[in-house]
C-alpha atoms as a PDB file:
ATOM      1  CA  MET A   1     129.987 -24.069  83.873  1.00  0.00           C
ATOM      2  CA  ALA A   2     128.332 -25.158  80.631  1.00  0.00           C
ATOM      3  CA  GLU A   3     130.595 -26.176  77.760  1.00  0.00           C
ATOM      4  CA  ALA A   4     130.839 -23.794  74.824  1.00  0.00           C
ATOM      5  CA  ALA A   5     128.733 -24.781  71.838  1.00  0.00           C
ATOM      6  CA  ALA A   6     130.510 -26.316  68.859  1.00  0.00           C
ATOM      7  CA  PRO A   7     131.046 -23.977  65.875  1.00  0.00           C
ATOM      8  CA  THR A   8     128.615 -25.980  63.695  1.00  0.00           C
ATOM      9  CA  GLU A   9     125.761 -25.012  66.001  1.00  0.00           C
ATOM     10  CA  HIS A  10     126.389 -21.356  65.269  1.00  0.00           C
ATOM     11  CA  VAL A  11     126.035 -21.841  61.509  1.00  0.00           C
ATOM     12  CA  ALA A  12     122.909 -23.978  61.871  1.00  0.00           C
ATOM     13  CA  GLY A  13     120.349 -23.114  59.211  1.00  0.00           C
ATOM     14  CA  CYS A  14     122.882 -21.232  57.114  1.00  0.00           C
ATOM     15  CA  ALA A  15     123.022 -23.902  54.372  1.00  0.00           C
ATOM     16  CA  ASP A  16     119.207 -23.893  53.964  1.00  0.00           C
ATOM     17  CA  THR A  17     119.153 -20.105  53.836  1.00  0.00           C
ATOM     18  CA  LEU A  18     121.866 -20.005  51.182  1.00  0.00           C
ATOM     19  CA  LEU A  19     120.180 -22.742  49.118  1.00  0.00           C
ATOM     20  CA  ASP A  20     116.807 -20.979  49.101  1.00  0.00           C
ATOM     21  CA  ALA A  21     118.362 -17.593  48.265  1.00  0.00           C
ATOM     22  CA  CYS A  22     120.396 -19.009  45.373  1.00  0.00           C
ATOM     23  CA  THR A  23     117.516 -21.085  43.993  1.00  0.00           C
ATOM     24  CA  THR A  24     115.177 -18.087  43.868  1.00  0.00           C
ATOM     25  CA  GLY A  25     117.875 -15.530  43.013  1.00  0.00           C
ATOM     26  CA  ARG A  26     116.880 -13.291  45.930  1.00  0.00           C
ATOM     27  CA  ARG A  27     118.861 -11.498  48.595  1.00  0.00           C
ATOM     28  CA  LEU A  28     118.722 -12.596  52.214  1.00  0.00           C
ATOM     29  CA  THR A  29     115.680 -11.246  54.041  1.00  0.00           C
ATOM     30  CA  ARG A  30     115.830  -8.967  57.059  1.00  0.00           C
ATOM     31  CA  GLY A  31     114.829 -11.843  59.311  1.00  0.00           C
ATOM     32  CA  GLU A  32     117.545 -14.100  57.908  1.00  0.00           C
ATOM     33  CA  LEU A  33     120.180 -11.391  58.409  1.00  0.00           C
ATOM     34  CA  GLU A  34     119.040 -10.806  61.980  1.00  0.00           C
ATOM     35  CA  SER A  35     119.253 -14.546  62.595  1.00  0.00           C
ATOM     36  CA  ARG A  36     122.843 -14.531  61.359  1.00  0.00           C
ATOM     37  CA  ARG A  37     123.661 -11.533  63.608  1.00  0.00           C
ATOM     38  CA  ALA A  38     122.140 -13.317  66.601  1.00  0.00           C
ATOM     39  CA  HIS A  39     124.203 -16.434  65.877  1.00  0.00           C
ATOM     40  CA  GLY A  40     127.325 -14.248  65.638  1.00  0.00           C
ATOM     41  CA  ALA A  41     126.600 -12.600  68.967  1.00  0.00           C
ATOM     42  CA  ARG A  42     126.084 -15.952  70.699  1.00  0.00           C
ATOM     43  CA  ALA A  43     129.307 -17.284  69.195  1.00  0.00           C
ATOM     44  CA  ALA A  44     131.234 -14.275  70.571  1.00  0.00           C
ATOM     45  CA  GLU A  45     129.679 -14.756  74.019  1.00  0.00           C
ATOM     46  CA  ALA A  46     130.720 -18.420  73.878  1.00  0.00           C
ATOM     47  CA  GLY A  47     134.328 -17.348  73.270  1.00  0.00           C
ATOM     48  CA  LEU A  48     134.656 -18.967  69.817  1.00  0.00           C
ATOM     49  CA  ALA A  49     137.206 -17.749  67.282  1.00  0.00           C
ATOM     50  CA  LEU A  50     135.737 -15.810  64.357  1.00  0.00           C
ATOM     51  CA  ARG A  51     138.140 -17.316  61.792  1.00  0.00           C
ATOM     52  CA  GLY A  52     136.931 -20.853  62.429  1.00  0.00           C
ATOM     53  CA  LEU A  53     133.301 -19.745  62.252  1.00  0.00           C
ATOM     54  CA  ILE A  54     133.841 -18.124  58.868  1.00  0.00           C
ATOM     55  CA  ARG A  55     135.347 -21.400  57.638  1.00  0.00           C
ATOM     56  CA  GLU A  56     132.141 -23.133  58.783  1.00  0.00           C
ATOM     57  CA  HIS A  57     130.088 -20.713  56.654  1.00  0.00           C
ATOM     58  CA  LEU A  58     132.254 -21.446  53.628  1.00  0.00           C
ATOM     59  CA  ALA A  59     131.918 -25.171  54.293  1.00  0.00           C
ATOM     60  CA  ALA A  60     128.117 -24.725  54.313  1.00  0.00           C
ATOM     61  CA  ALA A  61     128.361 -23.003  50.934  1.00  0.00           C
ATOM     62  CA  ARG A  62     130.467 -25.845  49.506  1.00  0.00           C
ATOM     63  CA  GLU A  63     127.917 -28.329  50.846  1.00  0.00           C
ATOM     64  CA  ILE A  64     125.034 -26.875  48.812  1.00  0.00           C
ATOM     65  CA  GLN A  65     127.031 -26.026  45.677  1.00  0.00           C
ATOM     66  CA  PRO A  66     126.436 -29.438  43.967  1.00  0.00           C
ATOM     67  CA  ARG A  67     122.660 -28.994  44.465  1.00  0.00           C
ATOM     68  CA  LEU A  68     122.570 -25.687  42.583  1.00  0.00           C
ATOM     69  CA  PRO A  69     122.032 -25.303  38.837  1.00  0.00           C
ATOM     70  CA  SER A  70     125.007 -24.362  36.697  1.00  0.00           C
ATOM     71  CA  GLY A  71     125.812 -20.677  36.620  1.00  0.00           C
ATOM     72  CA  SER A  72     124.774 -20.134  40.245  1.00  0.00           C
ATOM     73  CA  MET A  73     128.251 -19.363  41.561  1.00  0.00           C
ATOM     74  CA  GLY A  74     127.660 -15.594  41.416  1.00  0.00           C
ATOM     75  CA  PRO A  75     124.420 -15.654  43.456  1.00  0.00           C
ATOM     76  CA  LEU A  76     125.996 -18.122  45.900  1.00  0.00           C
ATOM     77  CA  LEU A  77     128.977 -15.878  46.540  1.00  0.00           C
ATOM     78  CA  ALA A  78     126.676 -12.886  47.003  1.00  0.00           C
ATOM     79  CA  ALA A  79     124.521 -14.788  49.504  1.00  0.00           C
ATOM     80  CA  VAL A  80     127.589 -16.048  51.413  1.00  0.00           C
ATOM     81  CA  GLU A  81     128.927 -12.507  51.555  1.00  0.00           C
ATOM     82  CA  GLN A  82     125.667 -11.279  53.082  1.00  0.00           C
ATOM     83  CA  ALA A  83     125.496 -14.129  55.574  1.00  0.00           C
ATOM     84  CA  VAL A  84     129.124 -13.811  56.701  1.00  0.00           C
ATOM     85  CA  ASP A  85     128.906 -10.020  56.922  1.00  0.00           C
ATOM     86  CA  ALA A  86     125.795 -10.183  59.128  1.00  0.00           C
ATOM     87  CA  PHE A  87     127.339 -12.915  61.286  1.00  0.00           C
ATOM     88  CA  ALA A  88     130.561 -10.923  61.754  1.00  0.00           C
ATOM     89  CA  GLU A  89     128.563  -7.791  62.583  1.00  0.00           C
ATOM     90  CA  GLY A  90     126.725  -9.579  65.380  1.00  0.00           C
ATOM     91  CA  TYR A  91     129.985 -11.128  66.597  1.00  0.00           C
ATOM     92  CA  GLU A  92     131.818  -7.792  66.681  1.00  0.00           C
ATOM     93  CA  ARG A  93     128.893  -6.009  68.293  1.00  0.00           C
ATOM     94  CA  ALA A  94     128.822  -8.556  71.115  1.00  0.00           C
ATOM     95  CA  GLN A  95     132.575  -8.325  71.577  1.00  0.00           C
ATOM     96  CA  TYR A  96     132.417  -4.533  71.706  1.00  0.00           C
ATOM     97  CA  GLN A  97     129.656  -4.684  74.286  1.00  0.00           C
ATOM     98  CA  ALA A  98     131.668  -7.139  76.377  1.00  0.00           C
ATOM     99  CA  VAL A  99     134.699  -4.848  76.224  1.00  0.00           C
ATOM    100  CA  ARG A 100     132.609  -1.855  77.273  1.00  0.00           C
ATOM    101  CA  GLN A 101     131.170  -3.805  80.187  1.00  0.00           C
ATOM    102  CA  GLU A 102     134.661  -4.899  81.229  1.00  0.00           C
ATOM    103  CA  GLU A 103     135.905  -1.299  81.002  1.00  0.00           C
ATOM    104  CA  ALA A 104     132.961  -0.079  83.083  1.00  0.00           C
ATOM    105  CA  ALA A 105     133.613  -2.765  85.716  1.00  0.00           C
ATOM    106  CA  ARG A 106     137.322  -1.878  85.785  1.00  0.00           C
ATOM    107  CA  ARG A 107     136.603   1.841  86.127  1.00  0.00           C
ATOM    108  CA  GLU A 108     134.124   1.194  88.930  1.00  0.00           C
ATOM    109  CA  PHE A 109     136.702  -0.961  90.716  1.00  0.00           C
ATOM    110  CA  ILE A 110     139.417   1.690  90.326  1.00  0.00           C
ATOM    111  CA  ASP A 111     137.142   4.431  91.646  1.00  0.00           C
ATOM    112  CA  ASP A 112     136.192   2.293  94.643  1.00  0.00           C
ATOM    113  CA  LEU A 113     139.832   1.322  95.202  1.00  0.00           C
ATOM    114  CA  LEU A 114     141.219   4.857  95.160  1.00  0.00           C
ATOM    115  CA  TYR A 115     138.359   6.464  97.040  1.00  0.00           C
ATOM    116  CA  GLY A 116     137.757   3.643  99.518  1.00  0.00           C
ATOM    117  CA  ARG A 117     134.013   3.750  98.898  1.00  0.00           C
ATOM    118  CA  SER A 118     133.329   0.005  98.776  1.00  0.00           C
ATOM    119  CA  ASP A 119     133.196  -2.673 101.458  1.00  0.00           C
ATOM    120  CA  LEU A 120     136.838  -3.641 101.963  1.00  0.00           C
ATOM    121  CA  GLY A 121     136.117  -7.381 101.965  1.00  0.00           C
ATOM    122  CA  ARG A 122     134.176  -7.188  98.726  1.00  0.00           C
ATOM    123  CA  LEU A 123     136.847  -4.905  97.249  1.00  0.00           C
ATOM    124  CA  ALA A 124     139.542  -7.461  98.054  1.00  0.00           C
ATOM    125  CA  GLU A 125     137.523 -10.162  96.269  1.00  0.00           C
ATOM    126  CA  ARG A 126     137.100  -8.005  93.165  1.00  0.00           C
ATOM    127  CA  SER A 127     140.756  -7.001  93.134  1.00  0.00           C
ATOM    128  CA  GLU A 128     142.043 -10.429  92.083  1.00  0.00           C
ATOM    129  CA  ARG A 129     140.096 -10.115  88.833  1.00  0.00           C
ATOM    130  CA  PHE A 130     142.255  -7.103  88.038  1.00  0.00           C
ATOM    131  CA  GLY A 131     145.564  -8.593  89.150  1.00  0.00           C
ATOM    132  CA  LEU A 132     145.870  -7.289  92.714  1.00  0.00           C
ATOM    133  CA  ARG A 133     145.989  -9.071  96.059  1.00  0.00           C
ATOM    134  CA  LEU A 134     144.924  -6.487  98.582  1.00  0.00           C
ATOM    135  CA  SER A 135     145.949  -8.669 101.525  1.00  0.00           C
ATOM    136  CA  GLN A 136     149.498  -7.548 100.703  1.00  0.00           C
ATOM    137  CA  ALA A 137     151.038  -4.109 101.118  1.00  0.00           C
ATOM    138  CA  HIS A 138     150.840  -1.764  98.132  1.00  0.00           C
ATOM    139  CA  ALA A 139     152.226   1.614  97.182  1.00  0.00           C
ATOM    140  CA  VAL A 140     150.873   4.072  94.646  1.00  0.00           C
ATOM    141  CA  ALA A 141     152.652   6.408  92.256  1.00  0.00           C
ATOM    142  CA  VAL A 142     150.820   9.332  90.662  1.00  0.00           C
ATOM    143  CA  ALA A 143     152.165  11.185  87.625  1.00  0.00           C
ATOM    144  CA  GLN A 144     150.942  14.609  86.600  1.00  0.00           C
ATOM    145  CA  GLY A 145     151.812  16.246  83.301  1.00  0.00           C
ATOM    146  CA  PRO A 146     151.093  19.503  81.485  1.00  0.00           C
ATOM    147  CA  GLU A 147     147.785  18.110  80.210  1.00  0.00           C
ATOM    148  CA  PRO A 148     145.179  15.610  81.471  1.00  0.00           C
ATOM    149  CA  TYR A 149     145.432  11.950  80.412  1.00  0.00           C
ATOM    150  CA  GLY A 150     142.804   9.228  80.038  1.00  0.00           C
ATOM    151  CA  ASP A 151     143.022   5.432  79.722  1.00  0.00           C
ATOM    152  CA  GLY A 152     142.855   5.527  75.931  1.00  0.00           C
ATOM    153  CA  TYR A 153     145.471   8.229  75.450  1.00  0.00           C
ATOM    154  CA  PRO A 154     148.707   7.286  73.630  1.00  0.00           C
ATOM    155  CA  VAL A 155     150.783   8.440  76.624  1.00  0.00           C
ATOM    156  CA  ALA A 156     148.879   6.163  79.018  1.00  0.00           C
ATOM    157  CA  ARG A 157     148.964   3.192  76.630  1.00  0.00           C
ATOM    158  CA  GLY A 158     152.664   3.655  75.919  1.00  0.00           C
ATOM    159  CA  ILE A 159     153.621   3.732  79.600  1.00  0.00           C
ATOM    160  CA  GLU A 160     151.447   0.701  80.371  1.00  0.00           C
ATOM    161  CA  GLU A 161     152.977  -1.319  77.533  1.00  0.00           C
ATOM    162  CA  THR A 162     156.516  -0.365  78.562  1.00  0.00           C
ATOM    163  CA  VAL A 163     156.034  -1.145  82.262  1.00  0.00           C
ATOM    164  CA  LEU A 164     154.277  -4.466  81.635  1.00  0.00           C
ATOM    165  CA  ALA A 165     156.894  -5.466  79.060  1.00  0.00           C
ATOM    166  CA  ARG A 166     159.599  -4.849  81.671  1.00  0.00           C
ATOM    167  CA  PHE A 167     157.960  -6.479  84.686  1.00  0.00           C
ATOM    168  CA  GLY A 168     155.321  -8.808  83.246  1.00  0.00           C
ATOM    169  CA  ASN A 169     152.679 -10.158  85.601  1.00  0.00           C
ATOM    170  CA  ARG A 170     153.732  -8.726  88.948  1.00  0.00           C
ATOM    171  CA  GLN A 171     150.282  -7.741  90.222  1.00  0.00           C
ATOM    172  CA  ILE A 172     150.601  -4.239  88.791  1.00  0.00           C
ATOM    173  CA  LEU A 173     147.622  -1.993  88.078  1.00  0.00           C
ATOM    174  CA  LEU A 174     148.126   0.896  85.659  1.00  0.00           C
ATOM    175  CA  THR A 175     145.298   3.336  85.069  1.00  0.00           C
ATOM    176  CA  THR A 176     144.330   7.015  85.039  1.00  0.00           C
ATOM    177  CA  LYS A 177     142.277   9.125  87.422  1.00  0.00           C
ATOM    178  CA  ASP A 178     141.300  12.794  87.174  1.00  0.00           C
ATOM    179  CA  GLY A 179     143.728  13.307  84.293  1.00  0.00           C
ATOM    180  CA  ARG A 180     146.683  11.782  86.148  1.00  0.00           C
ATOM    181  CA  LEU A 181     148.587   8.548  85.480  1.00  0.00           C
ATOM    182  CA  ILE A 182     148.401   5.977  88.276  1.00  0.00           C
ATOM    183  CA  CYS A 183     150.493   2.907  89.088  1.00  0.00           C
ATOM    184  CA  VAL A 184     149.644   0.552  91.953  1.00  0.00           C
ATOM    185  CA  ALA A 185     152.320  -2.021  92.761  1.00  0.00           C
ATOM    186  CA  PRO A 186     153.227  -4.386  95.614  1.00  0.00           C
ATOM    187  CA  GLY A 187     155.028  -2.549  98.379  1.00  0.00           C
ATOM    188  CA  GLU A 188     158.034  -4.857  98.300  1.00  0.00           C
ATOM    189  CA  GLN A 189     158.706  -3.966  94.655  1.00  0.00           C
ATOM    190  CA  PRO A 190     159.813  -0.309  94.684  1.00  0.00           C
ATOM    191  CA  ASP A 191     161.652  -0.890  91.415  1.00  0.00           C
ATOM    192  CA  VAL A 192     158.287  -1.037  89.628  1.00  0.00           C
ATOM    193  CA  LEU A 193     157.223   2.413  90.825  1.00  0.00           C
ATOM    194  CA  ALA A 194     160.698   3.823  90.179  1.00  0.00           C
ATOM    195  CA  TYR A 195     160.562   2.573  86.594  1.00  0.00           C
ATOM    196  CA  PHE A 196     157.015   3.894  86.172  1.00  0.00           C
ATOM    197  CA  ALA A 197     158.186   7.288  87.447  1.00  0.00           C
ATOM    198  CA  LYS A 198     161.047   7.340  84.950  1.00  0.00           C
ATOM    199  CA  GLN A 199     158.780   6.444  82.030  1.00  0.00           C
ATOM    200  CA  ALA A 200     156.039   8.860  83.091  1.00  0.00           C
ATOM    201  CA  TYR A 201     158.509  11.730  83.461  1.00  0.00           C
ATOM    202  CA  ALA A 202     159.809  11.128  79.947  1.00  0.00           C
ATOM    203  CA  ALA A 203     156.387  10.550  78.362  1.00  0.00           C
ATOM    204  CA  THR A 204     154.770  13.628  79.919  1.00  0.00           C
ATOM    205  CA  ASP A 205     157.547  15.905  78.719  1.00  0.00           C
ATOM    206  CA  GLY A 206     158.888  16.715  82.137  1.00  0.00           C
ATOM    207  CA  GLY A 207     155.873  16.037  84.334  1.00  0.00           C
ATOM    208  CA  ARG A 208     156.126  15.315  88.034  1.00  0.00           C
ATOM    209  CA  VAL A 209     155.639  12.004  89.855  1.00  0.00           C
ATOM    210  CA  ALA A 210     154.853  11.435  93.514  1.00  0.00           C
ATOM    211  CA  ILE A 211     155.154   8.059  95.252  1.00  0.00           C
ATOM    212  CA  GLY A 212     153.183   7.263  98.385  1.00  0.00           C
ATOM    213  CA  ARG A 213     154.425   5.005 101.155  1.00  0.00           C
ATOM    214  CA  SER A 214     153.618   1.299 101.255  1.00  0.00           C
ATOM    215  CA  HIS A 215     150.576   0.353 103.355  1.00  0.00           C
ATOM    216  CA  HIS A 216     148.786  -2.928 104.025  1.00  0.00           C
ATOM    217  CA  GLY A 217     145.277  -3.931 102.995  1.00  0.00           C
ATOM    218  CA  ALA A 218     142.638  -2.408 100.740  1.00  0.00           C
ATOM    219  CA  GLY A 219     142.638   0.760 102.804  1.00  0.00           C
ATOM    220  CA  GLY A 220     146.390   0.948 102.328  1.00  0.00           C
ATOM    221  CA  VAL A 221     146.004   1.684  98.614  1.00  0.00           C
ATOM    222  CA  VAL A 222     143.765   4.661  99.393  1.00  0.00           C
ATOM    223  CA  HIS A 223     146.249   5.890 102.022  1.00  0.00           C
ATOM    224  CA  SER A 224     149.212   5.650  99.657  1.00  0.00           C
ATOM    225  CA  TYR A 225     147.253   7.296  96.838  1.00  0.00           C
ATOM    226  CA  GLU A 226     146.283  10.226  99.066  1.00  0.00           C
ATOM    227  CA  GLU A 227     149.885  10.599 100.193  1.00  0.00           C
ATOM    228  CA  ALA A 228     151.016  10.834  96.577  1.00  0.00           C
ATOM    229  CA  LEU A 229     148.330  13.430  95.768  1.00  0.00           C
ATOM    230  CA  ASN A 230     149.264  15.456  98.830  1.00  0.00           C
ATOM    231  CA  ALA A 231     152.921  15.332  97.810  1.00  0.00           C
ATOM    232  CA  LEU A 232     152.050  16.754  94.377  1.00  0.00           C
ATOM    233  CA  ASP A 233     150.008  19.520  95.980  1.00  0.00           C
ATOM    234  CA  LEU A 234     152.783  20.249  98.443  1.00  0.00           C
ATOM    235  CA  ALA A 235     155.366  20.442  95.671  1.00  0.00           C
ATOM    236  CA  GLU A 236     153.203  22.971  93.846  1.00  0.00           C
ATOM    237  CA  ARG A 237     152.758  25.187  96.920  1.00  0.00           C
ATOM    238  CA  MET A 238     156.339  24.882  98.121  1.00  0.00           C
ATOM    239  CA  GLY A 239     158.007  25.078  94.743  1.00  0.00           C
ATOM    240  CA  LEU A 240     159.885  21.867  95.461  1.00  0.00           C
ATOM    241  CA  GLU A 241     162.383  20.809  92.845  1.00  0.00           C
ATOM    242  CA  GLY A 242     162.911  17.379  91.341  1.00  0.00           C
ATOM    243  CA  PRO A 243     160.780  15.227  89.022  1.00  0.00           C
ATOM    244  CA  VAL A 244     160.115  12.476  91.603  1.00  0.00           C
ATOM    245  CA  LEU A 245     158.781  13.108  95.095  1.00  0.00           C
ATOM    246  CA  HIS A 246     158.576  10.506  97.860  1.00  0.00           C
ATOM    247  CA  ALA A 247     155.902  11.033 100.481  1.00  0.00           C
ATOM    248  CA  ALA A 248     158.244   9.505 103.068  1.00  0.00           C
ATOM    249  CA  ASP A 249     160.659  12.411 102.539  1.00  0.00           C
ATOM    250  CA  LEU A 250     157.971  15.063 103.080  1.00  0.00           C
ATOM    251  CA  LEU A 251     156.443  13.938 106.359  1.00  0.00           C
ATOM    252  CA  VAL A 252     157.718  17.009 108.194  1.00  0.00           C
ATOM    253  CA  TYR A 253     155.382  19.315 106.257  1.00  0.00           C
ATOM    254  CA  PRO A 254     152.069  17.759 107.371  1.00  0.00           C
ATOM    255  CA  VAL A 255     153.420  17.822 110.932  1.00  0.00           C
ATOM    256  CA  LEU A 256     154.165  21.533 110.678  1.00  0.00           C
ATOM    257  CA  THR A 257     150.689  22.357 109.384  1.00  0.00           C
ATOM    258  CA  ARG A 258     148.750  20.036 111.677  1.00  0.00           C
ATOM    259  CA  ASP A 259     147.953  23.058 113.849  1.00  0.00           C
ATOM    260  CA  ARG A 260     147.299  25.568 111.110  1.00  0.00           C
ATOM    261  CA  GLN A 261     146.428  28.415 113.448  1.00  0.00           C
ATOM    262  CA  ALA A 262     149.617  27.966 115.440  1.00  0.00           C
ATOM    263  CA  MET A 263     151.639  28.009 112.236  1.00  0.00           C
ATOM    264  CA  ALA A 264     149.839  31.135 111.007  1.00  0.00           C
ATOM    265  CA  ASP A 265     150.595  32.853 114.333  1.00  0.00           C
ATOM    266  CA  LEU A 266     154.274  31.902 114.054  1.00  0.00           C
ATOM    267  CA  VAL A 267     154.525  33.216 110.492  1.00  0.00           C
ATOM    268  CA  GLU A 268     152.848  36.487 111.324  1.00  0.00           C
ATOM    269  CA  SER A 269     154.856  36.996 114.487  1.00  0.00           C
ATOM    270  CA  VAL A 270     158.245  36.232 112.940  1.00  0.00           C
ATOM    271  CA  LEU A 271     157.859  37.487 109.368  1.00  0.00           C
ATOM    272  CA  GLY A 272     155.145  40.109 109.762  1.00  0.00           C
ATOM    273  CA  PRO A 273     157.683  42.949 110.223  1.00  0.00           C
ATOM    274  CA  LEU A 274     159.028  42.248 106.707  1.00  0.00           C
ATOM    275  CA  ARG A 275     155.961  44.022 105.322  1.00  0.00           C
ATOM    276  CA  GLN A 276     157.679  47.298 106.279  1.00  0.00           C
ATOM    277  CA  ALA A 277     160.374  46.707 103.659  1.00  0.00           C
ATOM    278  CA  ARG A 278     160.292  48.564 100.366  1.00  0.00           C
ATOM    279  CA  GLY A 279     158.558  46.233  97.928  1.00  0.00           C
ATOM    280  CA  GLY A 280     156.815  44.333 100.692  1.00  0.00           C
ATOM    281  CA  ALA A 281     157.607  41.058 102.406  1.00  0.00           C
ATOM    282  CA  GLN A 282     157.716  38.696  99.421  1.00  0.00           C
ATOM    283  CA  PRO A 283     161.215  39.554  98.071  1.00  0.00           C
ATOM    284  CA  LEU A 284     162.705  39.051 101.532  1.00  0.00           C
ATOM    285  CA  VAL A 285     160.801  35.770 102.049  1.00  0.00           C
ATOM    286  CA  ASP A 286     162.172  34.610  98.689  1.00  0.00           C
ATOM    287  CA  THR A 287     165.633  35.605  99.878  1.00  0.00           C
ATOM    288  CA  LEU A 288     165.291  33.508 103.013  1.00  0.00           C
ATOM    289  CA  THR A 289     163.938  30.597 100.980  1.00  0.00           C
ATOM    290  CA  ALA A 290     166.929  30.628  98.629  1.00  0.00           C
ATOM    291  CA  TYR A 291     169.352  31.084 101.535  1.00  0.00           C
ATOM    292  CA  PHE A 292     168.010  28.111 103.504  1.00  0.00           C
ATOM    293  CA  ASP A 293     167.551  25.905 100.414  1.00  0.00           C
ATOM    294  CA  SER A 294     171.203  26.473  99.493  1.00  0.00           C
ATOM    295  CA  GLY A 295     172.387  25.333 102.927  1.00  0.00           C
ATOM    296  CA  CYS A 296     172.988  28.931 104.087  1.00  0.00           C
ATOM    297  CA  VAL A 297     175.732  29.349 101.498  1.00  0.00           C
ATOM    298  CA  GLY A 298     175.637  33.003 100.451  1.00  0.00           C
ATOM    299  CA  THR A 299     177.218  32.625  97.021  1.00  0.00           C
ATOM    300  CA  GLU A 300     174.823  29.820  96.029  1.00  0.00           C
ATOM    301  CA  ALA A 301     171.797  31.729  97.337  1.00  0.00           C
ATOM    302  CA  ALA A 302     172.886  34.820  95.390  1.00  0.00           C
ATOM    303  CA  ARG A 303     173.228  32.745  92.226  1.00  0.00           C
ATOM    304  CA  ARG A 304     169.724  31.297  92.657  1.00  0.00           C
ATOM    305  CA  LEU A 305     168.288  34.780  93.072  1.00  0.00           C
ATOM    306  CA  SER A 306     170.417  36.289  90.271  1.00  0.00           C
ATOM    307  CA  LEU A 307     171.857  38.766  92.762  1.00  0.00           C
ATOM    308  CA  SER A 308     175.348  39.830  93.678  1.00  0.00           C
ATOM    309  CA  VAL A 309     176.690  38.538  96.973  1.00  0.00           C
ATOM    310  CA  ARG A 310     176.716  42.131  98.201  1.00  0.00           C
ATOM    311  CA  ALA A 311     173.010  42.554  97.378  1.00  0.00           C
ATOM    312  CA  LEU A 312     172.197  39.299  99.128  1.00  0.00           C
ATOM    313  CA  THR A 313     174.145  40.367 102.200  1.00  0.00           C
ATOM    314  CA  TYR A 314     172.217  43.646 102.282  1.00  0.00           C
ATOM    315  CA  ARG A 315     168.911  41.784 102.170  1.00  0.00           C
ATOM    316  CA  LEU A 316     169.935  39.452 104.990  1.00  0.00           C
ATOM    317  CA  GLU A 317     170.974  42.440 107.097  1.00  0.00           C
ATOM    318  CA  ARG A 318     167.625  44.097 106.353  1.00  0.00           C
ATOM    319  CA  ILE A 319     165.813  40.945 107.502  1.00  0.00           C
ATOM    320  CA  HIS A 320     167.869  40.953 110.677  1.00  0.00           C
ATOM    321  CA  THR A 321     166.992  44.590 111.322  1.00  0.00           C
ATOM    322  CA  LEU A 322     163.244  44.142 110.763  1.00  0.00           C
ATOM    323  CA  THR A 323     162.752  40.821 112.549  1.00  0.00           C
ATOM    324  CA  ALA A 324     165.511  41.036 115.149  1.00  0.00           C
ATOM    325  CA  ALA A 325     166.460  37.498 114.032  1.00  0.00           C
ATOM    326  CA  ASP A 326     169.775  36.894 112.281  1.00  0.00           C
ATOM    327  CA  PRO A 327     169.511  34.231 109.494  1.00  0.00           C
ATOM    328  CA  ALA A 328     173.221  33.486 109.930  1.00  0.00           C
ATOM    329  CA  ASP A 329     172.874  32.833 113.652  1.00  0.00           C
ATOM    330  CA  PRO A 330     172.111  29.141 114.409  1.00  0.00           C
ATOM    331  CA  ARG A 331     170.045  30.252 117.423  1.00  0.00           C
ATOM    332  CA  ASN A 332     167.645  32.188 115.158  1.00  0.00           C
ATOM    333  CA  ARG A 333     167.911  30.044 112.066  1.00  0.00           C
ATOM    334  CA  TYR A 334     165.483  27.301 113.067  1.00  0.00           C
ATOM    335  CA  THR A 335     162.695  29.740 113.960  1.00  0.00           C
ATOM    336  CA  LEU A 336     163.177  31.721 110.763  1.00  0.00           C
ATOM    337  CA  GLN A 337     163.341  28.615 108.579  1.00  0.00           C
ATOM    338  CA  THR A 338     160.224  27.122 110.172  1.00  0.00           C
ATOM    339  CA  ALA A 339     158.390  30.416 109.621  1.00  0.00           C
ATOM    340  CA  VAL A 340     159.513  30.518 105.979  1.00  0.00           C
ATOM    341  CA  ILE A 341     158.278  26.951 105.420  1.00  0.00           C
ATOM    342  CA  GLY A 342     154.985  27.913 107.034  1.00  0.00           C
ATOM    343  CA  ALA A 343     154.721  30.979 104.806  1.00  0.00           C
ATOM    344  CA  ARG A 344     155.163  28.846 101.703  1.00  0.00           C
ATOM    345  CA  LEU A 345     152.610  26.292 102.907  1.00  0.00           C
ATOM    346  CA  LEU A 346     150.060  28.969 103.811  1.00  0.00           C
ATOM    347  CA  GLY A 347     150.671  31.162 100.780  1.00  0.00           C
ATOM    348  CA  TRP A 348     151.813  34.046 103.004  1.00  0.00           C
ATOM    349  CA  PRO A 349     151.870  37.024 102.557  1.00  0.00           C
ATOM    350  CA  ASP A 350     149.430  36.931  99.622  1.00  0.00           C
ATOM    351  CA  ALA A 351     146.890  34.729 101.437  1.00  0.00           C
ATOM    352  CA  ALA A 352     146.968  37.075 104.426  1.00  0.00           C
ATOM    353  CA  ALA A 353     146.377  40.210 102.372  1.00  0.00           C
END
């Protein structure tokens, strides 16, 4: 790698330009300003500090000052101002372009990482540039709030700053995707994702966070990310409570819906008779949901439904009459509960209407 050029090389020609401008009393020409901008851009690309380069411009001005006639301080200051302003403009423009290119490269990497669209070997090579070692196991947490979030949003920046301040350089990647907040962390560091979940819940004003399981390799990140997304979708359809969902705790649901047709047949066979009830099947399905979610404790189920215990008991008896399955009987309970879970997953009875 070539060594960076010394600062004096990036102010080359500046003294002659200033001397000619002050001697003739003119402003810097368009060509001279463009030359200064070009020098500024090259200095930024070389990684030189702007403060030191400005000092070099001032040193150039001091160098020619003794060669100027008396009373030339005003024109000299005006010429230096033009030269430094043009130089800084070129420097800042180059820096901005470099930042944009870095952001584009980072976004491309994140898209490839989360969608698994790139060659896994090449993806693993690129990952180290962004602080990940894909040879290790990783887990992904996804936070969803009441509104979409992007990388530049205050919520996203605040969470990133807080998490990195707490854990430092632990091979953590924080980003956004499709309006959601994303955290990728080594699988053996669940405390990172737990802390991210806590911060995201607070920052999104009560949003929901799902954490995928830890998986090895570049493909493991995609797998964990998809698990987290599926958990969020499942929570929405099932009305699951709690701000933080763990994909490992929800594995039973994908198993139940693996044969969708079989599940639909079970739901229709077991719960279909509830359509005969006044008001349709939905109130009785909701009753079963509350009853099973409360551990089959009648008083708790009644409280969740804002019913009296007597009204709840009547509904359970009505379900028993229509389906010939008693929710209070352990022999019938499993079939009924599985059918209720299937109904929630399939959106029954509305989806079957």
